[in-house]
Amino acid sequence: PPELKNPLKLSNAGSFKIPSVCYPESSYVEQCPGCFVSVKSIDEIVAACKDLRDIKSMYSRMSEISYDNSRQYHIDNIIGLYKEMLYDNI
């Protein structure tokens, strides 16, 4: 189901300041708003990739938005969750 598609790939790409072009899965829209170029057809994919290649300001803006969003998933920010899971199961 679309609601179970994990947006981790968007965060991984964003952590390297790489903008993404993808279908607007509900989990992507909810957890990574503004972090990807939303497309629904092959023609839109090609156009979005060309725009990212040719429009430097678009690439730069999408890179920064993606990077900023990915920071919330950095290990320094989630290590507490891992510790909670570990200590809750002991």
N, C-alpha and C. Protein backbone atom coordinates (compact mmCIF):
# COMPACT_ATOMS: atom_id res chain seq x y z
N PRO A 1 0.83 -1.21 0.00
CA PRO A 1 0.00 0.00 0.00
C PRO A 1 0.87 1.27 0.00
N PRO A 2 0.44 2.31 -0.68
CA PRO A 2 1.22 3.55 -0.75
C PRO A 2 1.56 4.14 0.61
N GLU A 3 0.64 4.03 1.56
CA GLU A 3 0.90 4.63 2.88
C GLU A 3 2.04 3.94 3.63
N LEU A 4 2.45 2.78 3.17
CA LEU A 4 3.55 2.06 3.81
C LEU A 4 4.89 2.25 3.09
N LYS A 5 4.90 3.00 2.01
CA LYS A 5 6.15 3.23 1.29
C LYS A 5 7.02 4.19 2.10
N ASN A 6 8.21 3.73 2.43
CA ASN A 6 9.11 4.46 3.29
C ASN A 6 9.85 5.57 2.53
N PRO A 7 9.84 6.80 3.05
CA PRO A 7 10.53 7.89 2.38
C PRO A 7 12.02 7.97 2.71
N LEU A 8 12.58 6.91 3.27
CA LEU A 8 13.99 6.91 3.66
C LEU A 8 14.90 7.26 2.49
N LYS A 9 14.56 6.81 1.30
CA LYS A 9 15.39 7.10 0.12
C LYS A 9 15.48 8.60 -0.13
N LEU A 10 14.41 9.34 0.18
CA LEU A 10 14.46 10.79 0.00
C LEU A 10 15.39 11.43 1.02
N SER A 11 15.35 10.93 2.25
CA SER A 11 16.24 11.45 3.29
C SER A 11 17.69 11.11 2.98
N ASN A 12 17.93 9.91 2.49
CA ASN A 12 19.30 9.53 2.14
C ASN A 12 19.85 10.42 1.04
N ALA A 13 19.08 10.63 0.00
CA ALA A 13 19.52 11.50 -1.09
C ALA A 13 19.70 12.93 -0.57
N GLY A 14 18.75 13.38 0.22
CA GLY A 14 18.82 14.73 0.77
C GLY A 14 20.04 14.96 1.64
N SER A 15 20.48 13.92 2.34
CA SER A 15 21.64 14.08 3.21
C SER A 15 22.92 14.35 2.41
N PHE A 16 22.89 14.07 1.11
CA PHE A 16 24.00 14.38 0.20
C PHE A 16 23.66 15.58 -0.70
N LYS A 17 22.57 16.27 -0.35
CA LYS A 17 22.09 17.43 -1.11
C LYS A 17 21.73 17.08 -2.55
N ILE A 18 21.16 15.89 -2.72
CA ILE A 18 20.73 15.45 -4.04
C ILE A 18 19.20 15.55 -4.10
N PRO A 19 18.68 16.42 -4.94
CA PRO A 19 17.22 16.53 -5.06
C PRO A 19 16.62 15.27 -5.67
N SER A 20 15.38 15.00 -5.32
CA SER A 20 14.69 13.81 -5.82
C SER A 20 13.53 14.19 -6.73
N VAL A 21 13.26 13.32 -7.66
CA VAL A 21 12.10 13.44 -8.56
C VAL A 21 11.34 12.14 -8.38
N CYS A 22 10.09 12.22 -7.92
CA CYS A 22 9.36 10.98 -7.67
C CYS A 22 7.84 11.20 -7.64
N TYR A 23 7.15 10.09 -7.68
CA TYR A 23 5.70 10.09 -7.55
C TYR A 23 5.34 10.55 -6.13
N PRO A 24 4.29 11.32 -5.96
CA PRO A 24 3.94 11.85 -4.64
C PRO A 24 3.23 10.83 -3.73
N GLU A 25 3.97 9.83 -3.33
CA GLU A 25 3.40 8.86 -2.37
C GLU A 25 2.99 9.61 -1.10
N SER A 26 1.94 9.14 -0.45
CA SER A 26 1.43 9.86 0.72
C SER A 26 2.48 10.01 1.81
N SER A 27 3.29 8.99 2.05
CA SER A 27 4.31 9.10 3.10
C SER A 27 5.40 10.09 2.71
N TYR A 28 5.70 10.22 1.42
CA TYR A 28 6.69 11.20 0.97
C TYR A 28 6.17 12.61 1.22
N VAL A 29 4.92 12.84 0.86
CA VAL A 29 4.30 14.15 1.02
C VAL A 29 4.22 14.53 2.49
N GLU A 30 3.87 13.58 3.35
CA GLU A 30 3.73 13.86 4.78
C GLU A 30 5.07 14.09 5.47
N GLN A 31 6.05 13.25 5.18
CA GLN A 31 7.31 13.31 5.91
C GLN A 31 8.39 14.13 5.23
N CYS A 32 8.24 14.41 3.96
CA CYS A 32 9.26 15.16 3.22
C CYS A 32 8.63 16.25 2.36
N PRO A 33 7.79 17.10 2.96
CA PRO A 33 7.13 18.11 2.13
C PRO A 33 8.13 19.07 1.51
N GLY A 34 7.98 19.31 0.23
CA GLY A 34 8.86 20.23 -0.47
C GLY A 34 10.25 19.70 -0.77
N CYS A 35 10.49 18.44 -0.45
CA CYS A 35 11.83 17.86 -0.60
C CYS A 35 12.02 17.12 -1.92
N PHE A 36 11.02 17.11 -2.75
CA PHE A 36 11.14 16.40 -4.02
C PHE A 36 10.26 17.07 -5.06
N VAL A 37 10.61 16.82 -6.31
CA VAL A 37 9.78 17.30 -7.41
C VAL A 37 8.75 16.21 -7.68
N SER A 38 7.50 16.56 -7.52
CA SER A 38 6.40 15.61 -7.68
C SER A 38 6.06 15.43 -9.15
N VAL A 39 6.05 14.18 -9.60
CA VAL A 39 5.74 13.85 -11.00
C VAL A 39 4.78 12.67 -11.06
N LYS A 40 4.03 12.59 -12.16
CA LYS A 40 3.08 11.49 -12.31
C LYS A 40 3.16 10.79 -13.65
N SER A 41 4.14 11.18 -14.48
CA SER A 41 4.29 10.53 -15.78
C SER A 41 5.75 10.56 -16.21
N ILE A 42 6.06 9.76 -17.19
CA ILE A 42 7.42 9.72 -17.73
C ILE A 42 7.81 11.09 -18.28
N ASP A 43 6.89 11.72 -18.99
CA ASP A 43 7.19 13.05 -19.55
C ASP A 43 7.50 14.05 -18.45
N GLU A 44 6.78 13.98 -17.33
CA GLU A 44 7.04 14.88 -16.21
C GLU A 44 8.39 14.58 -15.56
N ILE A 45 8.77 13.31 -15.51
CA ILE A 45 10.08 12.93 -14.95
C ILE A 45 11.19 13.57 -15.79
N VAL A 46 11.09 13.41 -17.09
CA VAL A 46 12.10 13.96 -18.00
C VAL A 46 12.16 15.48 -17.85
N ALA A 47 11.01 16.13 -17.83
CA ALA A 47 10.98 17.59 -17.71
C ALA A 47 11.57 18.06 -16.38
N ALA A 48 11.24 17.37 -15.31
CA ALA A 48 11.75 17.74 -13.98
C ALA A 48 13.27 17.57 -13.92
N CYS A 49 13.77 16.49 -14.47
CA CYS A 49 15.22 16.26 -14.48
C CYS A 49 15.94 17.33 -15.30
N LYS A 50 15.35 17.69 -16.43
CA LYS A 50 15.94 18.75 -17.25
C LYS A 50 15.92 20.08 -16.51
N ASP A 51 14.82 20.35 -15.83
CA ASP A 51 14.74 21.60 -15.05
C ASP A 51 15.80 21.62 -13.96
N LEU A 52 15.96 20.53 -13.24
CA LEU A 52 16.99 20.48 -12.20
C LEU A 52 18.39 20.66 -12.78
N ARG A 53 18.59 20.15 -13.97
CA ARG A 53 19.88 20.28 -14.64
C ARG A 53 20.12 21.72 -15.11
N ASP A 54 19.09 22.33 -15.65
CA ASP A 54 19.24 23.62 -16.33
C ASP A 54 18.99 24.83 -15.44
N ILE A 55 18.16 24.68 -14.43
CA ILE A 55 17.80 25.83 -13.57
C ILE A 55 18.57 25.69 -12.26
N LYS A 56 19.71 26.35 -12.21
CA LYS A 56 20.62 26.21 -11.06
C LYS A 56 19.95 26.62 -9.75
N SER A 57 19.13 27.66 -9.78
CA SER A 57 18.47 28.10 -8.54
C SER A 57 17.48 27.05 -8.04
N MET A 58 16.83 26.35 -8.94
CA MET A 58 15.89 25.28 -8.56
C MET A 58 16.66 24.14 -7.92
N TYR A 59 17.77 23.74 -8.56
CA TYR A 59 18.59 22.65 -8.02
C TYR A 59 19.10 23.02 -6.63
N SER A 60 19.60 24.24 -6.50
CA SER A 60 20.14 24.70 -5.22
C SER A 60 19.07 24.72 -4.13
N ARG A 61 17.90 25.27 -4.46
CA ARG A 61 16.80 25.34 -3.49
C ARG A 61 16.35 23.95 -3.06
N MET A 62 16.15 23.06 -4.02
CA MET A 62 15.72 21.69 -3.71
C MET A 62 16.79 20.95 -2.90
N SER A 63 18.05 21.20 -3.21
CA SER A 63 19.15 20.58 -2.47
C SER A 63 19.12 20.99 -1.01
N GLU A 64 18.95 22.28 -0.76
CA GLU A 64 18.94 22.79 0.61
C GLU A 64 17.72 22.30 1.38
N ILE A 65 16.56 22.33 0.76
CA ILE A 65 15.34 21.85 1.42
C ILE A 65 15.49 20.38 1.78
N SER A 66 16.00 19.59 0.85
CA SER A 66 16.18 18.15 1.07
C SER A 66 17.19 17.90 2.19
N TYR A 67 18.28 18.65 2.16
CA TYR A 67 19.31 18.49 3.19
C TYR A 67 18.76 18.85 4.57
N ASP A 68 18.07 19.98 4.65
CA ASP A 68 17.50 20.40 5.93
C ASP A 68 16.53 19.36 6.48
N ASN A 69 15.70 18.80 5.62
CA ASN A 69 14.75 17.78 6.06
C ASN A 69 15.46 16.52 6.52
N SER A 70 16.53 16.14 5.85
CA SER A 70 17.25 14.91 6.20
C SER A 70 17.92 15.00 7.55
N ARG A 71 18.24 16.20 8.01
CA ARG A 71 18.95 16.37 9.28
C ARG A 71 18.15 15.82 10.46
N GLN A 72 16.84 15.83 10.36
CA GLN A 72 16.03 15.31 11.47
C GLN A 72 16.24 13.82 11.69
N TYR A 73 16.74 13.13 10.67
CA TYR A 73 16.96 11.69 10.77
C TYR A 73 18.42 11.34 11.04
N HIS A 74 19.25 12.35 11.26
CA HIS A 74 20.66 12.09 11.57
C HIS A 74 20.74 11.29 12.88
N ILE A 75 21.72 10.43 12.97
CA ILE A 75 21.86 9.55 14.15
C ILE A 75 21.92 10.34 15.45
N ASP A 76 22.53 11.52 15.43
CA ASP A 76 22.59 12.33 16.64
C ASP A 76 21.21 12.74 17.13
N ASN A 77 20.27 12.83 16.20
CA ASN A 77 18.91 13.23 16.55
C ASN A 77 18.00 12.07 16.91
N ILE A 78 18.36 10.86 16.52
CA ILE A 78 17.47 9.73 16.81
C ILE A 78 18.08 8.70 17.75
N ILE A 79 19.29 8.92 18.19
CA ILE A 79 19.92 7.92 19.05
C ILE A 79 19.11 7.69 20.33
N GLY A 80 18.46 8.74 20.80
CA GLY A 80 17.61 8.59 21.98
C GLY A 80 16.50 7.57 21.77
N LEU A 81 15.94 7.53 20.56
CA LEU A 81 14.89 6.55 20.26
C LEU A 81 15.43 5.13 20.32
N TYR A 82 16.64 4.94 19.80
CA TYR A 82 17.27 3.63 19.86
C TYR A 82 17.51 3.21 21.31
N LYS A 83 17.98 4.15 22.13
CA LYS A 83 18.23 3.85 23.53
C LYS A 83 16.93 3.49 24.26
N GLU A 84 15.87 4.22 23.96
CA GLU A 84 14.56 3.92 24.57
C GLU A 84 14.12 2.51 24.22
N MET A 85 14.25 2.13 22.96
CA MET A 85 13.84 0.79 22.54
C MET A 85 14.69 -0.27 23.24
N LEU A 86 15.96 0.00 23.35
CA LEU A 86 16.87 -0.95 24.01
C LEU A 86 16.51 -1.12 25.48
N TYR A 87 16.39 0.00 26.18
CA TYR A 87 16.15 -0.07 27.63
C TYR A 87 14.73 -0.49 27.97
N ASP A 88 13.78 -0.24 27.09
CA ASP A 88 12.40 -0.67 27.32
C ASP A 88 12.28 -2.19 27.21
N ASN A 89 13.20 -2.83 26.50
CA ASN A 89 13.12 -4.28 26.28
C ASN A 89 14.04 -5.06 27.22
N ILE A 90 14.68 -4.38 28.15
CA ILE A 90 15.56 -5.09 29.10
C ILE A 90 14.79 -5.43 30.35
